[in-house]
Amino acid sequence: MNSTVWIVDSYEEALVKNIVIVSLGLIINFINGMLVLTFFSNPMFSRDSRYILYIHLVINDMLMICISVTLYVLTYVSPLVNASLCCVLVVLGSTTFMITPLNLAGMAVERFIAICKPLHHAQICTPQRTHIFICLLWVMGAIGSIADIIISILTQPLSFYRSLIPCYPNYAFPSKAHKDRTTASQVICMSLVWIILIYTYCRVLFTARKAVSKGSANKAQGTILLHGVQLLLCMLSYITPFLFTITTPFFRLHQTKITFCVYLFTNILPRLLSPLIYGVRDQKFVKQMKEYFTFNIIIVKIVPSK
């Protein structure tokens, strides 16, 4: 379009941006990988629904960061990608992105049951039910993507999937139904999660005021608040179009910098909170991590043969 102005990064700026994104992605996934190894090093964690939900969130974040960073680098290295490969990457990225807030809601409900209904926690939050809940999360997260695939197959010719396209959601699924569905599902999902977080926080706060021993209740409050902060950061990506609409007339020459900052604060940095919520604040997890990575070292003593 003649009215469209394309702003292209300089080589130095593009290199710095990609180094920053890839480095942060590797650092976050390295930390999360340590958490995953710690979880599987002790069977105690796999019997607790709290840690099962947490490690699922960590693994989901690792998948999302891998896909997200791959898509970001592809926009510079190979602006045009095979449409079939792009669709797969977009579907996986959107599914893992949708699972994050739903998982946070499940973790908040688990803390609510543990603090407000402790006598029923062991019966309600069993490992088997937690695994079923995780399966439901993936089904709920993938419903929108499956709908996009079906609509795309019905509306696009087969030649489209052999063509080269810019790897963005609107190019992979160009139908208007995708945009409407995406907006509606995001609004419904985030509204539901916020209602759950606010309700559980208020109930835990009320329980903490009446409790004789307030330590666990207060800690649960802090955990739910951190979930809220993480969710708030993730929600910033939903108002990205509005931010661009507002800032573009004033910062027309800095659109790529604005895009980079928004992507960094909405897709990468929120994943740093996951290790902090349990990996640093939870004493059992920290203790096991220290034991696993500090004392689980095999020292081989070489004795010379006589």
C-alpha atoms as a PDB file:
ATOM      1  CA  MET A   1       0.000   0.000   0.000  1.00  0.00           C
ATOM      2  CA  ASN A   2       1.286   3.440  -0.920  1.00  0.00           C
ATOM      3  CA  SER A   3       0.263   4.853   2.445  1.00  0.00           C
ATOM      4  CA  THR A   4       2.272   2.273   4.387  1.00  0.00           C
ATOM      5  CA  VAL A   5       5.716   3.284   5.640  1.00  0.00           C
ATOM      6  CA  TRP A   6       8.044   0.428   6.539  1.00  0.00           C
ATOM      7  CA  ILE A   7      10.676   1.147   9.185  1.00  0.00           C
ATOM      8  CA  VAL A   8      13.645  -1.225   9.005  1.00  0.00           C
ATOM      9  CA  ASP A   9      16.197  -1.693  11.795  1.00  0.00           C
ATOM     10  CA  SER A  10      19.830  -1.020  11.127  1.00  0.00           C
ATOM     11  CA  TYR A  11      22.154  -4.024  11.229  1.00  0.00           C
ATOM     12  CA  GLU A  12      23.582  -3.031  14.624  1.00  0.00           C
ATOM     13  CA  GLU A  13      20.152  -2.449  16.165  1.00  0.00           C
ATOM     14  CA  ALA A  14      18.764  -5.726  14.817  1.00  0.00           C
ATOM     15  CA  LEU A  15      21.816  -7.604  16.123  1.00  0.00           C
ATOM     16  CA  VAL A  16      21.521  -6.098  19.611  1.00  0.00           C
ATOM     17  CA  LYS A  17      17.793  -6.854  19.804  1.00  0.00           C
ATOM     18  CA  ASN A  18      18.258 -10.474  18.770  1.00  0.00           C
ATOM     19  CA  ILE A  19      21.173 -10.967  21.176  1.00  0.00           C
ATOM     20  CA  VAL A  20      19.106  -9.550  24.048  1.00  0.00           C
ATOM     21  CA  ILE A  21      16.051 -11.699  23.265  1.00  0.00           C
ATOM     22  CA  VAL A  22      17.993 -14.924  22.667  1.00  0.00           C
ATOM     23  CA  SER A  23      20.175 -14.373  25.759  1.00  0.00           C
ATOM     24  CA  LEU A  24      17.165 -13.743  28.011  1.00  0.00           C
ATOM     25  CA  GLY A  25      15.389 -16.761  26.544  1.00  0.00           C
ATOM     26  CA  LEU A  26      18.399 -19.000  27.225  1.00  0.00           C
ATOM     27  CA  ILE A  27      18.846 -17.651  30.759  1.00  0.00           C
ATOM     28  CA  ILE A  28      15.176 -18.093  31.659  1.00  0.00           C
ATOM     29  CA  ASN A  29      15.038 -21.602  30.186  1.00  0.00           C
ATOM     30  CA  PHE A  30      18.286 -22.529  31.963  1.00  0.00           C
ATOM     31  CA  ILE A  31      16.811 -21.453  35.315  1.00  0.00           C
ATOM     32  CA  ASN A  32      13.526 -23.186  34.543  1.00  0.00           C
ATOM     33  CA  GLY A  33      15.434 -26.301  33.470  1.00  0.00           C
ATOM     34  CA  MET A  34      17.061 -26.387  36.916  1.00  0.00           C
ATOM     35  CA  LEU A  35      13.596 -26.205  38.472  1.00  0.00           C
ATOM     36  CA  VAL A  36      12.360 -29.087  36.315  1.00  0.00           C
ATOM     37  CA  LEU A  37      15.349 -31.245  37.291  1.00  0.00           C
ATOM     38  CA  THR A  38      14.747 -30.394  40.958  1.00  0.00           C
ATOM     39  CA  PHE A  39      11.088 -31.400  40.670  1.00  0.00           C
ATOM     40  CA  PHE A  40      11.870 -34.813  39.182  1.00  0.00           C
ATOM     41  CA  SER A  41      14.757 -35.432  41.595  1.00  0.00           C
ATOM     42  CA  ASN A  42      12.394 -35.933  44.529  1.00  0.00           C
ATOM     43  CA  PRO A  43       9.187 -38.072  44.300  1.00  0.00           C
ATOM     44  CA  MET A  44       7.673 -35.939  47.075  1.00  0.00           C
ATOM     45  CA  PHE A  45       6.957 -33.120  44.620  1.00  0.00           C
ATOM     46  CA  SER A  46       5.130 -35.368  42.149  1.00  0.00           C
ATOM     47  CA  ARG A  47       2.657 -36.289  44.908  1.00  0.00           C
ATOM     48  CA  ASP A  48       1.741 -32.673  45.697  1.00  0.00           C
ATOM     49  CA  SER A  49      -0.768 -30.925  43.394  1.00  0.00           C
ATOM     50  CA  ARG A  50       0.782 -27.564  44.262  1.00  0.00           C
ATOM     51  CA  TYR A  51       4.149 -28.507  42.774  1.00  0.00           C
ATOM     52  CA  ILE A  52       2.613 -30.410  39.857  1.00  0.00           C
ATOM     53  CA  LEU A  53       0.736 -27.290  38.739  1.00  0.00           C
ATOM     54  CA  TYR A  54       3.825 -25.176  39.269  1.00  0.00           C
ATOM     55  CA  ILE A  55       6.157 -27.374  37.237  1.00  0.00           C
ATOM     56  CA  HIS A  56       3.554 -27.564  34.470  1.00  0.00           C
ATOM     57  CA  LEU A  57       3.565 -23.759  34.366  1.00  0.00           C
ATOM     58  CA  VAL A  58       7.366 -23.777  34.169  1.00  0.00           C
ATOM     59  CA  ILE A  59       7.438 -26.330  31.331  1.00  0.00           C
ATOM     60  CA  ASN A  60       4.697 -24.446  29.485  1.00  0.00           C
ATOM     61  CA  ASP A  61       6.691 -21.222  29.828  1.00  0.00           C
ATOM     62  CA  MET A  62       9.804 -22.974  28.488  1.00  0.00           C
ATOM     63  CA  LEU A  63       7.891 -24.139  25.418  1.00  0.00           C
ATOM     64  CA  MET A  64       6.405 -20.714  24.872  1.00  0.00           C
ATOM     65  CA  ILE A  65       9.762 -18.953  25.167  1.00  0.00           C
ATOM     66  CA  CYS A  66      11.357 -21.372  22.677  1.00  0.00           C
ATOM     67  CA  ILE A  67       8.584 -20.795  20.137  1.00  0.00           C
ATOM     68  CA  SER A  68       8.354 -17.061  20.786  1.00  0.00           C
ATOM     69  CA  VAL A  69      12.108 -16.482  20.464  1.00  0.00           C
ATOM     70  CA  THR A  70      12.186 -18.641  17.315  1.00  0.00           C
ATOM     71  CA  LEU A  71       9.425 -16.556  15.728  1.00  0.00           C
ATOM     72  CA  TYR A  72      11.177 -13.331  16.736  1.00  0.00           C
ATOM     73  CA  VAL A  73      14.506 -14.379  15.225  1.00  0.00           C
ATOM     74  CA  LEU A  74      12.770 -15.630  12.062  1.00  0.00           C
ATOM     75  CA  THR A  75      11.370 -12.147  11.419  1.00  0.00           C
ATOM     76  CA  TYR A  76      14.978 -10.977  10.933  1.00  0.00           C
ATOM     77  CA  VAL A  77      16.721 -14.061   9.558  1.00  0.00           C
ATOM     78  CA  SER A  78      13.962 -15.271   7.235  1.00  0.00           C
ATOM     79  CA  PRO A  79      11.073 -12.785   6.895  1.00  0.00           C
ATOM     80  CA  LEU A  80       9.167 -15.220   4.641  1.00  0.00           C
ATOM     81  CA  VAL A  81       8.483 -18.710   6.025  1.00  0.00           C
ATOM     82  CA  ASN A  82       6.643 -21.731   4.663  1.00  0.00           C
ATOM     83  CA  ALA A  83       2.956 -21.264   5.536  1.00  0.00           C
ATOM     84  CA  SER A  84       2.544 -24.798   6.979  1.00  0.00           C
ATOM     85  CA  LEU A  85       5.524 -24.372   9.318  1.00  0.00           C
ATOM     86  CA  CYS A  86       4.301 -20.921  10.304  1.00  0.00           C
ATOM     87  CA  CYS A  87       0.835 -22.275  11.151  1.00  0.00           C
ATOM     88  CA  VAL A  88       2.361 -24.946  13.408  1.00  0.00           C
ATOM     89  CA  LEU A  89       4.528 -22.405  15.236  1.00  0.00           C
ATOM     90  CA  VAL A  90       1.655 -19.929  15.635  1.00  0.00           C
ATOM     91  CA  VAL A  91      -0.696 -22.646  16.932  1.00  0.00           C
ATOM     92  CA  LEU A  92       1.842 -23.880  19.506  1.00  0.00           C
ATOM     93  CA  GLY A  93       2.704 -20.329  20.550  1.00  0.00           C
ATOM     94  CA  SER A  94      -0.910 -19.217  20.995  1.00  0.00           C
ATOM     95  CA  THR A  95      -1.844 -22.427  22.830  1.00  0.00           C
ATOM     96  CA  THR A  96       0.972 -22.142  25.366  1.00  0.00           C
ATOM     97  CA  PHE A  97       0.243 -18.427  25.766  1.00  0.00           C
ATOM     98  CA  MET A  98      -3.427 -19.134  26.585  1.00  0.00           C
ATOM     99  CA  ILE A  99      -2.505 -21.895  29.045  1.00  0.00           C
ATOM    100  CA  THR A 100      -0.428 -19.560  31.259  1.00  0.00           C
ATOM    101  CA  PRO A 101      -3.334 -17.520  32.749  1.00  0.00           C
ATOM    102  CA  LEU A 102      -5.508 -20.638  33.089  1.00  0.00           C
ATOM    103  CA  ASN A 103      -2.706 -22.409  34.963  1.00  0.00           C
ATOM    104  CA  LEU A 104      -2.291 -19.372  37.246  1.00  0.00           C
ATOM    105  CA  ALA A 105      -6.010 -19.518  38.039  1.00  0.00           C
ATOM    106  CA  GLY A 106      -5.718 -23.218  38.890  1.00  0.00           C
ATOM    107  CA  MET A 107      -2.772 -22.550  41.204  1.00  0.00           C
ATOM    108  CA  ALA A 108      -4.718 -19.785  42.966  1.00  0.00           C
ATOM    109  CA  VAL A 109      -7.688 -22.119  43.487  1.00  0.00           C
ATOM    110  CA  GLU A 110      -5.367 -24.797  44.888  1.00  0.00           C
ATOM    111  CA  ARG A 111      -3.951 -22.301  47.422  1.00  0.00           C
ATOM    112  CA  PHE A 112      -7.499 -21.197  48.284  1.00  0.00           C
ATOM    113  CA  ILE A 113      -8.504 -24.799  49.048  1.00  0.00           C
ATOM    114  CA  ALA A 114      -5.306 -25.409  51.058  1.00  0.00           C
ATOM    115  CA  ILE A 115      -5.841 -22.329  53.263  1.00  0.00           C
ATOM    116  CA  CYS A 116      -9.619 -22.016  53.477  1.00  0.00           C
ATOM    117  CA  LYS A 117     -10.601 -25.715  53.364  1.00  0.00           C
ATOM    118  CA  PRO A 118      -7.533 -27.553  54.704  1.00  0.00           C
ATOM    119  CA  LEU A 119      -9.509 -30.634  55.830  1.00  0.00           C
ATOM    120  CA  HIS A 120     -10.720 -31.249  52.265  1.00  0.00           C
ATOM    121  CA  HIS A 121      -7.504 -30.364  50.444  1.00  0.00           C
ATOM    122  CA  ALA A 122      -6.069 -33.895  50.394  1.00  0.00           C
ATOM    123  CA  GLN A 123      -9.317 -35.318  48.964  1.00  0.00           C
ATOM    124  CA  ILE A 124      -9.894 -32.576  46.368  1.00  0.00           C
ATOM    125  CA  CYS A 125      -6.370 -31.822  45.141  1.00  0.00           C
ATOM    126  CA  THR A 126      -5.074 -35.297  44.366  1.00  0.00           C
ATOM    127  CA  PRO A 127      -2.294 -35.885  41.800  1.00  0.00           C
ATOM    128  CA  GLN A 128      -4.728 -37.762  39.544  1.00  0.00           C
ATOM    129  CA  ARG A 129      -7.213 -34.884  39.505  1.00  0.00           C
ATOM    130  CA  THR A 130      -4.384 -32.419  38.967  1.00  0.00           C
ATOM    131  CA  HIS A 131      -3.224 -34.329  35.880  1.00  0.00           C
ATOM    132  CA  ILE A 132      -6.798 -34.353  34.555  1.00  0.00           C
ATOM    133  CA  PHE A 133      -6.987 -30.597  35.153  1.00  0.00           C
ATOM    134  CA  ILE A 134      -3.750 -30.085  33.201  1.00  0.00           C
ATOM    135  CA  CYS A 135      -5.198 -32.082  30.279  1.00  0.00           C
ATOM    136  CA  LEU A 136      -8.272 -29.841  30.376  1.00  0.00           C
ATOM    137  CA  LEU A 137      -5.999 -26.781  30.308  1.00  0.00           C
ATOM    138  CA  TRP A 138      -4.420 -27.982  27.065  1.00  0.00           C
ATOM    139  CA  VAL A 139      -7.830 -28.704  25.565  1.00  0.00           C
ATOM    140  CA  MET A 140      -9.094 -25.239  26.519  1.00  0.00           C
ATOM    141  CA  GLY A 141      -5.906 -23.579  25.292  1.00  0.00           C
ATOM    142  CA  ALA A 142      -5.999 -25.411  21.954  1.00  0.00           C
ATOM    143  CA  ILE A 143      -9.710 -24.962  21.162  1.00  0.00           C
ATOM    144  CA  GLY A 144      -9.187 -21.572  19.545  1.00  0.00           C
ATOM    145  CA  SER A 145      -6.218 -22.790  17.504  1.00  0.00           C
ATOM    146  CA  ILE A 146      -8.132 -25.860  16.324  1.00  0.00           C
ATOM    147  CA  ALA A 147     -10.973 -23.577  15.222  1.00  0.00           C
ATOM    148  CA  ASP A 148      -8.461 -21.435  13.306  1.00  0.00           C
ATOM    149  CA  ILE A 149      -7.056 -24.512  11.552  1.00  0.00           C
ATOM    150  CA  ILE A 150     -10.525 -25.728  10.525  1.00  0.00           C
ATOM    151  CA  ILE A 151     -11.550 -22.289   9.232  1.00  0.00           C
ATOM    152  CA  SER A 152      -8.248 -21.912   7.398  1.00  0.00           C
ATOM    153  CA  ILE A 153      -8.579 -25.305   5.698  1.00  0.00           C
ATOM    154  CA  LEU A 154     -12.125 -24.473   4.580  1.00  0.00           C
ATOM    155  CA  THR A 155     -11.319 -20.974   3.306  1.00  0.00           C
ATOM    156  CA  GLN A 156      -7.747 -21.194   1.963  1.00  0.00           C
ATOM    157  CA  PRO A 157      -6.602 -23.109  -1.147  1.00  0.00           C
ATOM    158  CA  LEU A 158      -4.041 -25.877  -0.706  1.00  0.00           C
ATOM    159  CA  SER A 159      -1.477 -23.778  -2.543  1.00  0.00           C
ATOM    160  CA  PHE A 160      -1.527 -21.363   0.404  1.00  0.00           C
ATOM    161  CA  TYR A 161       0.190 -23.930   2.651  1.00  0.00           C
ATOM    162  CA  ARG A 162       3.052 -24.288   0.166  1.00  0.00           C
ATOM    163  CA  SER A 163       3.563 -20.553  -0.181  1.00  0.00           C
ATOM    164  CA  LEU A 164       5.948 -18.274   1.715  1.00  0.00           C
ATOM    165  CA  ILE A 165       4.399 -15.763   4.116  1.00  0.00           C
ATOM    166  CA  PRO A 166       5.507 -13.452   6.961  1.00  0.00           C
ATOM    167  CA  CYS A 167       5.152 -15.579  10.091  1.00  0.00           C
ATOM    168  CA  TYR A 168       2.553 -13.576  12.020  1.00  0.00           C
ATOM    169  CA  PRO A 169      -0.855 -14.827  13.262  1.00  0.00           C
ATOM    170  CA  ASN A 170      -2.803 -12.596  10.877  1.00  0.00           C
ATOM    171  CA  TYR A 171      -0.850 -13.970   7.906  1.00  0.00           C
ATOM    172  CA  ALA A 172      -1.018 -17.603   9.031  1.00  0.00           C
ATOM    173  CA  PHE A 173      -4.777 -17.302   9.647  1.00  0.00           C
ATOM    174  CA  PRO A 174      -5.936 -14.376   7.506  1.00  0.00           C
ATOM    175  CA  SER A 175      -9.685 -14.814   7.949  1.00  0.00           C
ATOM    176  CA  LYS A 176     -11.681 -12.210   9.860  1.00  0.00           C
ATOM    177  CA  ALA A 177     -13.111 -15.016  12.007  1.00  0.00           C
ATOM    178  CA  HIS A 178      -9.642 -15.591  13.473  1.00  0.00           C
ATOM    179  CA  LYS A 179      -9.360 -11.973  14.630  1.00  0.00           C
ATOM    180  CA  ASP A 180     -12.865 -11.944  16.113  1.00  0.00           C
ATOM    181  CA  ARG A 181     -12.361 -15.302  17.799  1.00  0.00           C
ATOM    182  CA  THR A 182      -8.986 -14.313  19.206  1.00  0.00           C
ATOM    183  CA  THR A 183     -10.289 -11.079  20.694  1.00  0.00           C
ATOM    184  CA  ALA A 184     -13.375 -12.724  22.221  1.00  0.00           C
ATOM    185  CA  SER A 185     -11.465 -15.686  23.706  1.00  0.00           C
ATOM    186  CA  GLN A 186      -8.804 -13.431  25.209  1.00  0.00           C
ATOM    187  CA  VAL A 187     -11.367 -11.148  26.837  1.00  0.00           C
ATOM    188  CA  ILE A 188     -13.358 -14.090  28.249  1.00  0.00           C
ATOM    189  CA  CYS A 189     -10.249 -15.932  29.463  1.00  0.00           C
ATOM    190  CA  MET A 190      -8.678 -12.949  31.188  1.00  0.00           C
ATOM    191  CA  SER A 191     -11.968 -11.826  32.762  1.00  0.00           C
ATOM    192  CA  LEU A 192     -12.530 -15.313  34.185  1.00  0.00           C
ATOM    193  CA  VAL A 193      -8.975 -15.570  35.530  1.00  0.00           C
ATOM    194  CA  TRP A 194      -9.146 -12.122  37.160  1.00  0.00           C
ATOM    195  CA  ILE A 195     -12.431 -13.003  38.861  1.00  0.00           C
ATOM    196  CA  ILE A 196     -10.878 -16.208  40.225  1.00  0.00           C
ATOM    197  CA  LEU A 197      -7.728 -14.431  41.438  1.00  0.00           C
ATOM    198  CA  ILE A 198      -9.649 -11.613  43.142  1.00  0.00           C
ATOM    199  CA  TYR A 199     -12.075 -14.028  44.788  1.00  0.00           C
ATOM    200  CA  THR A 200      -9.366 -16.385  46.055  1.00  0.00           C
ATOM    201  CA  TYR A 201      -7.221 -13.505  47.328  1.00  0.00           C
ATOM    202  CA  CYS A 202     -10.128 -11.972  49.266  1.00  0.00           C
ATOM    203  CA  ARG A 203     -11.049 -15.319  50.797  1.00  0.00           C
ATOM    204  CA  VAL A 204      -7.442 -16.058  51.775  1.00  0.00           C
ATOM    205  CA  LEU A 205      -7.105 -12.530  53.203  1.00  0.00           C
ATOM    206  CA  PHE A 206     -10.269 -13.021  55.271  1.00  0.00           C
ATOM    207  CA  THR A 207      -9.015 -16.407  56.498  1.00  0.00           C
ATOM    208  CA  ALA A 208      -5.610 -14.960  57.409  1.00  0.00           C
ATOM    209  CA  ARG A 209      -7.195 -12.364  59.679  1.00  0.00           C
ATOM    210  CA  LYS A 210      -9.024 -15.058  61.652  1.00  0.00           C
ATOM    211  CA  ALA A 211      -6.204 -17.593  61.715  1.00  0.00           C
ATOM    212  CA  VAL A 212      -4.148 -18.124  64.863  1.00  0.00           C
ATOM    213  CA  SER A 213      -1.087 -19.077  62.824  1.00  0.00           C
ATOM    214  CA  LYS A 214      -0.952 -16.566  60.007  1.00  0.00           C
ATOM    215  CA  GLY A 215       2.292 -17.642  58.381  1.00  0.00           C
ATOM    216  CA  SER A 216       0.939 -19.958  55.661  1.00  0.00           C
ATOM    217  CA  ALA A 217      -2.079 -17.767  54.946  1.00  0.00           C
ATOM    218  CA  ASN A 218       0.062 -14.655  54.545  1.00  0.00           C
ATOM    219  CA  LYS A 219       2.424 -16.542  52.272  1.00  0.00           C
ATOM    220  CA  ALA A 220      -0.522 -17.719  50.173  1.00  0.00           C
ATOM    221  CA  GLN A 221      -1.635 -14.088  49.875  1.00  0.00           C
ATOM    222  CA  GLY A 222       1.779 -13.123  48.550  1.00  0.00           C
ATOM    223  CA  THR A 223       1.738 -16.019  46.091  1.00  0.00           C
ATOM    224  CA  ILE A 224      -1.661 -15.032  44.686  1.00  0.00           C
ATOM    225  CA  LEU A 225      -0.515 -11.404  44.443  1.00  0.00           C
ATOM    226  CA  LEU A 226       2.513 -12.511  42.429  1.00  0.00           C
ATOM    227  CA  HIS A 227       0.177 -14.489  40.177  1.00  0.00           C
ATOM    228  CA  GLY A 228      -1.785 -11.277  39.686  1.00  0.00           C
ATOM    229  CA  VAL A 229       1.354  -9.321  38.771  1.00  0.00           C
ATOM    230  CA  GLN A 230       2.410 -12.001  36.301  1.00  0.00           C
ATOM    231  CA  LEU A 231      -1.070 -12.051  34.778  1.00  0.00           C
ATOM    232  CA  LEU A 232      -1.079  -8.256  34.541  1.00  0.00           C
ATOM    233  CA  LEU A 233       2.189  -8.316  32.604  1.00  0.00           C
ATOM    234  CA  CYS A 234       0.823 -10.993  30.278  1.00  0.00           C
ATOM    235  CA  MET A 235      -2.327  -8.942  29.708  1.00  0.00           C
ATOM    236  CA  LEU A 236      -0.277  -6.039  28.373  1.00  0.00           C
ATOM    237  CA  SER A 237       0.108  -7.975  25.117  1.00  0.00           C
ATOM    238  CA  TYR A 238      -3.664  -7.747  24.608  1.00  0.00           C
ATOM    239  CA  ILE A 239      -3.566  -3.950  24.548  1.00  0.00           C
ATOM    240  CA  THR A 240      -0.572  -3.849  22.204  1.00  0.00           C
ATOM    241  CA  PRO A 241      -2.673  -2.730  19.192  1.00  0.00           C
ATOM    242  CA  PHE A 242      -4.057   0.177  21.223  1.00  0.00           C
ATOM    243  CA  LEU A 243      -0.551   1.150  22.360  1.00  0.00           C
ATOM    244  CA  PHE A 244       0.634   1.187  18.758  1.00  0.00           C
ATOM    245  CA  THR A 245      -2.386   3.222  17.677  1.00  0.00           C
ATOM    246  CA  ILE A 246      -1.681   5.823  20.360  1.00  0.00           C
ATOM    247  CA  THR A 247       2.102   6.015  20.032  1.00  0.00           C
ATOM    248  CA  THR A 248       2.551   5.690  16.250  1.00  0.00           C
ATOM    249  CA  PRO A 249       1.510   9.308  15.381  1.00  0.00           C
ATOM    250  CA  PHE A 250       4.014  10.680  17.920  1.00  0.00           C
ATOM    251  CA  PHE A 251       6.902   8.227  17.483  1.00  0.00           C
ATOM    252  CA  ARG A 252       6.654   7.271  13.841  1.00  0.00           C
ATOM    253  CA  LEU A 253      10.405   6.728  13.485  1.00  0.00           C
ATOM    254  CA  HIS A 254      10.655   4.583  16.624  1.00  0.00           C
ATOM    255  CA  GLN A 255       8.004   1.962  15.887  1.00  0.00           C
ATOM    256  CA  THR A 256      10.471  -0.933  15.930  1.00  0.00           C
ATOM    257  CA  LYS A 257      11.860   0.160  19.301  1.00  0.00           C
ATOM    258  CA  ILE A 258       8.339   0.357  20.742  1.00  0.00           C
ATOM    259  CA  THR A 259       7.535  -3.085  19.328  1.00  0.00           C
ATOM    260  CA  PHE A 260      10.702  -4.523  20.861  1.00  0.00           C
ATOM    261  CA  CYS A 261       9.982  -3.036  24.320  1.00  0.00           C
ATOM    262  CA  VAL A 262       6.368  -4.232  24.298  1.00  0.00           C
ATOM    263  CA  TYR A 263       7.441  -7.739  23.252  1.00  0.00           C
ATOM    264  CA  LEU A 264      10.134  -7.821  25.930  1.00  0.00           C
ATOM    265  CA  PHE A 265       7.814  -6.741  28.759  1.00  0.00           C
ATOM    266  CA  THR A 266       4.794  -8.834  27.733  1.00  0.00           C
ATOM    267  CA  ASN A 267       6.296 -12.096  26.474  1.00  0.00           C
ATOM    268  CA  ILE A 268       9.770 -12.556  27.971  1.00  0.00           C
ATOM    269  CA  LEU A 269      10.050 -10.813  31.352  1.00  0.00           C
ATOM    270  CA  PRO A 270       6.791 -12.236  32.835  1.00  0.00           C
ATOM    271  CA  ARG A 271       8.371 -15.687  32.552  1.00  0.00           C
ATOM    272  CA  LEU A 272      11.045 -14.587  35.024  1.00  0.00           C
ATOM    273  CA  LEU A 273       8.379 -14.452  37.747  1.00  0.00           C
ATOM    274  CA  SER A 274       7.677 -18.193  37.601  1.00  0.00           C
ATOM    275  CA  PRO A 275      11.032 -19.162  39.167  1.00  0.00           C
ATOM    276  CA  LEU A 276      10.627 -16.433  41.800  1.00  0.00           C
ATOM    277  CA  ILE A 277       7.153 -17.512  42.934  1.00  0.00           C
ATOM    278  CA  TYR A 278       8.170 -20.999  44.102  1.00  0.00           C
ATOM    279  CA  GLY A 279      11.768 -21.589  43.066  1.00  0.00           C
ATOM    280  CA  VAL A 280      13.019 -18.880  45.445  1.00  0.00           C
ATOM    281  CA  ARG A 281      10.184 -18.405  47.957  1.00  0.00           C
ATOM    282  CA  ASP A 282       9.382 -22.065  48.638  1.00  0.00           C
ATOM    283  CA  GLN A 283      11.679 -23.494  51.316  1.00  0.00           C
ATOM    284  CA  LYS A 284      11.203 -27.133  50.328  1.00  0.00           C
ATOM    285  CA  PHE A 285      12.013 -26.414  46.712  1.00  0.00           C
ATOM    286  CA  VAL A 286      15.039 -24.277  47.559  1.00  0.00           C
ATOM    287  CA  LYS A 287      16.374 -26.913  49.950  1.00  0.00           C
ATOM    288  CA  GLN A 288      15.999 -29.690  47.402  1.00  0.00           C
ATOM    289  CA  MET A 289      17.573 -27.556  44.693  1.00  0.00           C
ATOM    290  CA  LYS A 290      20.606 -26.819  46.857  1.00  0.00           C
ATOM    291  CA  GLU A 291      21.001 -30.488  47.732  1.00  0.00           C
ATOM    292  CA  TYR A 292      20.608 -31.636  44.141  1.00  0.00           C
ATOM    293  CA  PHE A 293      22.969 -29.132  42.529  1.00  0.00           C
ATOM    294  CA  THR A 294      25.467 -28.810  45.402  1.00  0.00           C
ATOM    295  CA  PHE A 295      25.800 -32.215  47.025  1.00  0.00           C
ATOM    296  CA  ASN A 296      24.809 -34.535  44.199  1.00  0.00           C
ATOM    297  CA  ILE A 297      28.359 -34.627  42.861  1.00  0.00           C
ATOM    298  CA  ILE A 298      30.192 -37.868  42.280  1.00  0.00           C
ATOM    299  CA  ILE A 299      33.857 -37.633  43.173  1.00  0.00           C
ATOM    300  CA  VAL A 300      35.979 -40.261  41.509  1.00  0.00           C
ATOM    301  CA  LYS A 301      39.119 -41.102  43.400  1.00  0.00           C
ATOM    302  CA  ILE A 302      41.847 -42.557  41.233  1.00  0.00           C
ATOM    303  CA  VAL A 303      44.007 -45.057  43.043  1.00  0.00           C
ATOM    304  CA  PRO A 304      47.229 -45.995  41.250  1.00  0.00           C
ATOM    305  CA  SER A 305      47.590 -49.704  40.685  1.00  0.00           C
ATOM    306  CA  LYS A 306      50.462 -51.456  42.425  1.00  0.00           C
END
